[in-house]
Amino acid sequence: MQWLDLLAYFFGGAFLTNALPHIVSGVRGEAFQTPFANPPGQGLSSSTVNVLWGFFNLLIGYGLVCRVGDFDLKSTSDALAFGLGALALSLYVARHFGRFHGGNTSEPS
């Protein structure tokens, strides 16, 4: 069913987007927030945990985009679903992690 494929592409875009900061932080040797930190999503996890978490997200995103349906980047609906998932998660994490890294200038200190 087409709408289930589009839903998979939406979440695939979100997972692939989430992989980026974790892999980059881990490769740079920097600690970053993960669900495994204490408190979850706020405390810092080691660079190794971030690389592993990032690659887990990469695998899930790959599965959702490349193994569900017949994803076609030239299909407007497929690309739009993927892009909206990536944008939605990007905006959410920008707001969430901006609190910890100085990215939210609109919130009081």
N, C-alpha and C. Protein backbone atom coordinates (compact mmCIF):
# COMPACT_ATOMS: atom_id res chain seq x y z
N MET A 1 0.84 -1.19 0.00
CA MET A 1 0.00 0.00 0.00
C MET A 1 0.88 1.24 0.00
N GLN A 2 0.58 2.19 -0.87
CA GLN A 2 1.41 3.37 -1.09
C GLN A 2 1.60 4.22 0.16
N TRP A 3 0.56 4.45 0.96
CA TRP A 3 0.71 5.34 2.10
C TRP A 3 1.60 4.72 3.17
N LEU A 4 1.62 3.40 3.27
CA LEU A 4 2.54 2.75 4.22
C LEU A 4 3.99 2.91 3.76
N ASP A 5 4.21 2.84 2.45
CA ASP A 5 5.55 3.08 1.91
C ASP A 5 5.98 4.51 2.23
N LEU A 6 5.09 5.48 2.03
CA LEU A 6 5.42 6.88 2.30
C LEU A 6 5.71 7.11 3.78
N LEU A 7 4.97 6.42 4.63
CA LEU A 7 5.24 6.51 6.07
C LEU A 7 6.62 5.95 6.40
N ALA A 8 6.98 4.84 5.76
CA ALA A 8 8.31 4.26 5.96
C ALA A 8 9.39 5.23 5.48
N TYR A 9 9.17 5.91 4.36
CA TYR A 9 10.16 6.85 3.84
C TYR A 9 10.29 8.07 4.75
N PHE A 10 9.17 8.51 5.33
CA PHE A 10 9.19 9.61 6.29
C PHE A 10 10.09 9.25 7.47
N PHE A 11 9.84 8.09 8.07
CA PHE A 11 10.66 7.68 9.22
C PHE A 11 12.08 7.31 8.81
N GLY A 12 12.24 6.81 7.59
CA GLY A 12 13.59 6.55 7.09
C GLY A 12 14.39 7.83 7.00
N GLY A 13 13.77 8.90 6.51
CA GLY A 13 14.45 10.20 6.48
C GLY A 13 14.83 10.68 7.86
N ALA A 14 13.93 10.45 8.82
CA ALA A 14 14.21 10.85 10.21
C ALA A 14 15.38 10.05 10.78
N PHE A 15 15.38 8.74 10.59
CA PHE A 15 16.47 7.91 11.12
C PHE A 15 17.80 8.24 10.46
N LEU A 16 17.80 8.44 9.14
CA LEU A 16 19.05 8.77 8.46
C LEU A 16 19.58 10.13 8.91
N THR A 17 18.68 11.07 9.14
CA THR A 17 19.09 12.37 9.65
C THR A 17 19.65 12.26 11.06
N ASN A 18 19.04 11.43 11.89
CA ASN A 18 19.52 11.25 13.25
C ASN A 18 20.88 10.57 13.30
N ALA A 19 21.21 9.79 12.29
CA ALA A 19 22.51 9.12 12.26
C ALA A 19 23.65 10.13 12.15
N LEU A 20 23.43 11.22 11.44
CA LEU A 20 24.50 12.15 11.13
C LEU A 20 25.20 12.76 12.35
N PRO A 21 24.48 13.40 13.28
CA PRO A 21 25.21 14.03 14.39
C PRO A 21 25.91 13.02 15.29
N HIS A 22 25.34 11.83 15.41
CA HIS A 22 25.96 10.82 16.27
C HIS A 22 27.24 10.27 15.66
N ILE A 23 27.21 9.98 14.37
CA ILE A 23 28.42 9.47 13.72
C ILE A 23 29.49 10.55 13.68
N VAL A 24 29.10 11.77 13.34
CA VAL A 24 30.08 12.86 13.27
C VAL A 24 30.69 13.13 14.65
N SER A 25 29.86 13.21 15.67
CA SER A 25 30.39 13.44 17.02
C SER A 25 31.32 12.32 17.44
N GLY A 26 30.90 11.09 17.17
CA GLY A 26 31.73 9.94 17.55
C GLY A 26 33.06 9.91 16.83
N VAL A 27 33.05 10.17 15.53
CA VAL A 27 34.28 10.16 14.75
C VAL A 27 35.21 11.29 15.19
N ARG A 28 34.64 12.40 15.62
CA ARG A 28 35.46 13.51 16.12
C ARG A 28 35.96 13.26 17.54
N GLY A 29 35.50 12.16 18.14
CA GLY A 29 35.93 11.84 19.50
C GLY A 29 35.22 12.64 20.56
N GLU A 30 34.06 13.16 20.24
CA GLU A 30 33.32 14.01 21.17
C GLU A 30 32.14 13.26 21.78
N ALA A 31 31.86 13.56 23.02
CA ALA A 31 30.67 13.02 23.68
C ALA A 31 29.45 13.79 23.17
N PHE A 32 28.31 13.11 23.14
CA PHE A 32 27.07 13.73 22.67
C PHE A 32 25.91 12.99 23.32
N GLN A 33 24.75 13.61 23.34
CA GLN A 33 23.58 13.02 23.96
C GLN A 33 23.10 11.80 23.16
N THR A 34 22.71 10.75 23.89
CA THR A 34 22.04 9.59 23.29
C THR A 34 20.96 9.13 24.26
N PRO A 35 20.11 8.22 23.83
CA PRO A 35 19.11 7.66 24.75
C PRO A 35 19.73 6.85 25.89
N PHE A 36 21.01 6.52 25.78
CA PHE A 36 21.67 5.68 26.78
C PHE A 36 22.36 6.49 27.86
N ALA A 37 22.38 7.81 27.71
CA ALA A 37 23.03 8.68 28.70
C ALA A 37 22.16 8.78 29.94
N ASN A 38 22.73 9.36 30.98
CA ASN A 38 21.99 9.55 32.21
C ASN A 38 21.97 11.05 32.53
N PRO A 39 20.82 11.71 32.49
CA PRO A 39 19.50 11.24 32.10
C PRO A 39 19.41 11.07 30.58
N PRO A 40 18.55 10.16 30.14
CA PRO A 40 18.43 9.86 28.71
C PRO A 40 18.12 11.11 27.88
N GLY A 41 18.89 11.28 26.80
CA GLY A 41 18.67 12.41 25.90
C GLY A 41 19.22 13.73 26.40
N GLN A 42 19.77 13.74 27.61
CA GLN A 42 20.31 14.99 28.15
C GLN A 42 21.77 14.84 28.53
N GLY A 43 22.10 13.73 29.20
CA GLY A 43 23.49 13.48 29.57
C GLY A 43 24.30 13.10 28.34
N LEU A 44 25.60 13.04 28.50
CA LEU A 44 26.48 12.74 27.38
C LEU A 44 26.87 11.26 27.37
N SER A 45 26.98 10.73 26.17
CA SER A 45 27.49 9.38 25.96
C SER A 45 28.84 9.47 25.28
N SER A 46 29.64 8.44 25.42
CA SER A 46 30.98 8.44 24.84
C SER A 46 30.93 8.47 23.32
N SER A 47 32.06 8.78 22.73
CA SER A 47 32.15 8.82 21.28
C SER A 47 31.88 7.44 20.68
N THR A 48 32.30 6.38 21.36
CA THR A 48 32.06 5.03 20.87
C THR A 48 30.57 4.71 20.85
N VAL A 49 29.86 5.06 21.91
CA VAL A 49 28.42 4.84 21.97
C VAL A 49 27.73 5.63 20.86
N ASN A 50 28.21 6.84 20.59
CA ASN A 50 27.62 7.65 19.53
C ASN A 50 27.83 7.05 18.15
N VAL A 51 29.00 6.49 17.89
CA VAL A 51 29.23 5.84 16.60
C VAL A 51 28.30 4.65 16.46
N LEU A 52 28.19 3.83 17.50
CA LEU A 52 27.31 2.66 17.45
C LEU A 52 25.84 3.07 17.28
N TRP A 53 25.40 4.07 18.02
CA TRP A 53 24.02 4.55 17.91
C TRP A 53 23.77 5.14 16.52
N GLY A 54 24.73 5.88 16.00
CA GLY A 54 24.60 6.46 14.68
C GLY A 54 24.49 5.39 13.60
N PHE A 55 25.30 4.34 13.69
CA PHE A 55 25.22 3.28 12.69
C PHE A 55 23.96 2.45 12.84
N PHE A 56 23.44 2.32 14.05
CA PHE A 56 22.15 1.67 14.23
C PHE A 56 21.05 2.46 13.52
N ASN A 57 21.06 3.78 13.70
CA ASN A 57 20.10 4.65 13.00
C ASN A 57 20.26 4.56 11.49
N LEU A 58 21.51 4.47 11.03
CA LEU A 58 21.78 4.33 9.61
C LEU A 58 21.18 3.04 9.05
N LEU A 59 21.33 1.95 9.78
CA LEU A 59 20.77 0.67 9.35
C LEU A 59 19.24 0.70 9.30
N ILE A 60 18.63 1.27 10.32
CA ILE A 60 17.17 1.36 10.35
C ILE A 60 16.68 2.25 9.20
N GLY A 61 17.33 3.39 9.02
CA GLY A 61 16.95 4.29 7.92
C GLY A 61 17.10 3.63 6.57
N TYR A 62 18.19 2.90 6.38
CA TYR A 62 18.41 2.17 5.13
C TYR A 62 17.29 1.17 4.90
N GLY A 63 16.96 0.42 5.93
CA GLY A 63 15.90 -0.57 5.81
C GLY A 63 14.56 0.05 5.44
N LEU A 64 14.24 1.17 6.06
CA LEU A 64 12.96 1.82 5.79
C LEU A 64 12.90 2.45 4.39
N VAL A 65 14.01 2.95 3.90
CA VAL A 65 14.01 3.63 2.61
C VAL A 65 14.28 2.65 1.46
N CYS A 66 15.23 1.77 1.65
CA CYS A 66 15.67 0.93 0.53
C CYS A 66 15.04 -0.45 0.48
N ARG A 67 14.41 -0.88 1.56
CA ARG A 67 13.85 -2.22 1.60
C ARG A 67 12.34 -2.25 1.70
N VAL A 68 11.72 -1.10 1.84
CA VAL A 68 10.25 -1.02 1.89
C VAL A 68 9.79 -0.41 0.58
N GLY A 69 8.89 -1.05 -0.09
CA GLY A 69 8.37 -0.53 -1.35
C GLY A 69 9.45 -0.43 -2.39
N ASP A 70 9.32 0.57 -3.25
CA ASP A 70 10.28 0.79 -4.34
C ASP A 70 10.61 2.28 -4.36
N PHE A 71 11.43 2.73 -3.39
CA PHE A 71 11.75 4.14 -3.26
C PHE A 71 12.38 4.66 -4.55
N ASP A 72 11.86 5.79 -5.03
CA ASP A 72 12.37 6.42 -6.23
C ASP A 72 12.58 7.90 -5.94
N LEU A 73 13.82 8.32 -5.94
CA LEU A 73 14.14 9.71 -5.64
C LEU A 73 13.53 10.67 -6.65
N LYS A 74 13.21 10.19 -7.85
CA LYS A 74 12.57 11.03 -8.86
C LYS A 74 11.06 11.13 -8.66
N SER A 75 10.51 10.32 -7.77
CA SER A 75 9.09 10.39 -7.44
C SER A 75 8.89 11.49 -6.41
N THR A 76 8.07 12.46 -6.77
CA THR A 76 7.84 13.60 -5.87
C THR A 76 7.31 13.15 -4.52
N SER A 77 6.36 12.23 -4.51
CA SER A 77 5.78 11.81 -3.23
C SER A 77 6.81 11.07 -2.37
N ASP A 78 7.64 10.22 -2.98
CA ASP A 78 8.67 9.51 -2.22
C ASP A 78 9.69 10.49 -1.64
N ALA A 79 10.19 11.39 -2.49
CA ALA A 79 11.19 12.36 -2.05
C ALA A 79 10.61 13.32 -1.02
N LEU A 80 9.34 13.72 -1.19
CA LEU A 80 8.71 14.62 -0.24
C LEU A 80 8.54 13.96 1.13
N ALA A 81 8.10 12.71 1.15
CA ALA A 81 7.95 11.99 2.41
C ALA A 81 9.29 11.87 3.12
N PHE A 82 10.32 11.49 2.37
CA PHE A 82 11.67 11.37 2.94
C PHE A 82 12.15 12.71 3.48
N GLY A 83 12.01 13.76 2.65
CA GLY A 83 12.46 15.09 3.04
C GLY A 83 11.71 15.66 4.23
N LEU A 84 10.41 15.41 4.30
CA LEU A 84 9.63 15.89 5.45
C LEU A 84 10.06 15.19 6.74
N GLY A 85 10.36 13.90 6.64
CA GLY A 85 10.86 13.18 7.82
C GLY A 85 12.19 13.74 8.28
N ALA A 86 13.08 14.00 7.32
CA ALA A 86 14.39 14.58 7.65
C ALA A 86 14.23 15.97 8.25
N LEU A 87 13.38 16.79 7.66
CA LEU A 87 13.15 18.15 8.16
C LEU A 87 12.52 18.14 9.54
N ALA A 88 11.52 17.31 9.74
CA ALA A 88 10.82 17.25 11.03
C ALA A 88 11.79 16.88 12.15
N LEU A 89 12.60 15.85 11.93
CA LEU A 89 13.53 15.47 12.99
C LEU A 89 14.61 16.53 13.16
N SER A 90 15.07 17.11 12.06
CA SER A 90 16.11 18.15 12.16
C SER A 90 15.64 19.33 13.00
N LEU A 91 14.42 19.78 12.77
CA LEU A 91 13.89 20.90 13.56
C LEU A 91 13.71 20.52 15.02
N TYR A 92 13.24 19.30 15.26
CA TYR A 92 13.06 18.86 16.64
C TYR A 92 14.39 18.80 17.38
N VAL A 93 15.39 18.16 16.79
CA VAL A 93 16.67 18.03 17.50
C VAL A 93 17.40 19.36 17.61
N ALA A 94 17.19 20.25 16.64
CA ALA A 94 17.79 21.58 16.75
C ALA A 94 17.27 22.31 17.98
N ARG A 95 15.97 22.20 18.22
CA ARG A 95 15.40 22.83 19.41
C ARG A 95 15.81 22.10 20.69
N HIS A 96 15.76 20.77 20.64
CA HIS A 96 16.05 19.98 21.84
C HIS A 96 17.52 20.13 22.26
N PHE A 97 18.44 19.88 21.35
CA PHE A 97 19.86 19.91 21.70
C PHE A 97 20.42 21.32 21.72
N GLY A 98 19.73 22.27 21.12
CA GLY A 98 20.16 23.65 21.19
C GLY A 98 20.20 24.16 22.62
N ARG A 99 19.36 23.59 23.47
CA ARG A 99 19.37 23.98 24.89
C ARG A 99 20.71 23.68 25.54
N PHE A 100 21.38 22.63 25.07
CA PHE A 100 22.63 22.19 25.68
C PHE A 100 23.87 22.77 25.00
N HIS A 101 23.71 23.21 23.76
CA HIS A 101 24.88 23.63 22.98
C HIS A 101 24.82 25.08 22.54
N GLY A 102 23.90 25.86 23.11
CA GLY A 102 23.83 27.28 22.80
C GLY A 102 23.14 27.62 21.50
N GLY A 103 22.37 26.69 20.94
CA GLY A 103 21.72 26.94 19.66
C GLY A 103 20.36 27.60 19.75
N ASN A 104 19.77 27.63 20.93
CA ASN A 104 18.46 28.28 21.10
C ASN A 104 18.66 29.63 21.75
N THR A 105 18.67 30.65 20.95
CA THR A 105 18.87 31.99 21.50
C THR A 105 17.55 32.61 21.96
N SER A 106 16.42 31.97 21.58
CA SER A 106 15.12 32.54 21.96
C SER A 106 14.68 32.13 23.36
N GLU A 107 15.32 31.10 23.92
CA GLU A 107 14.94 30.67 25.27
C GLU A 107 15.80 31.39 26.30
N PRO A 108 15.22 31.76 27.44
CA PRO A 108 16.01 32.43 28.48
C PRO A 108 17.03 31.48 29.08
N SER A 109 18.16 32.02 29.50
CA SER A 109 19.22 31.20 30.09
C SER A 109 18.91 30.84 31.52
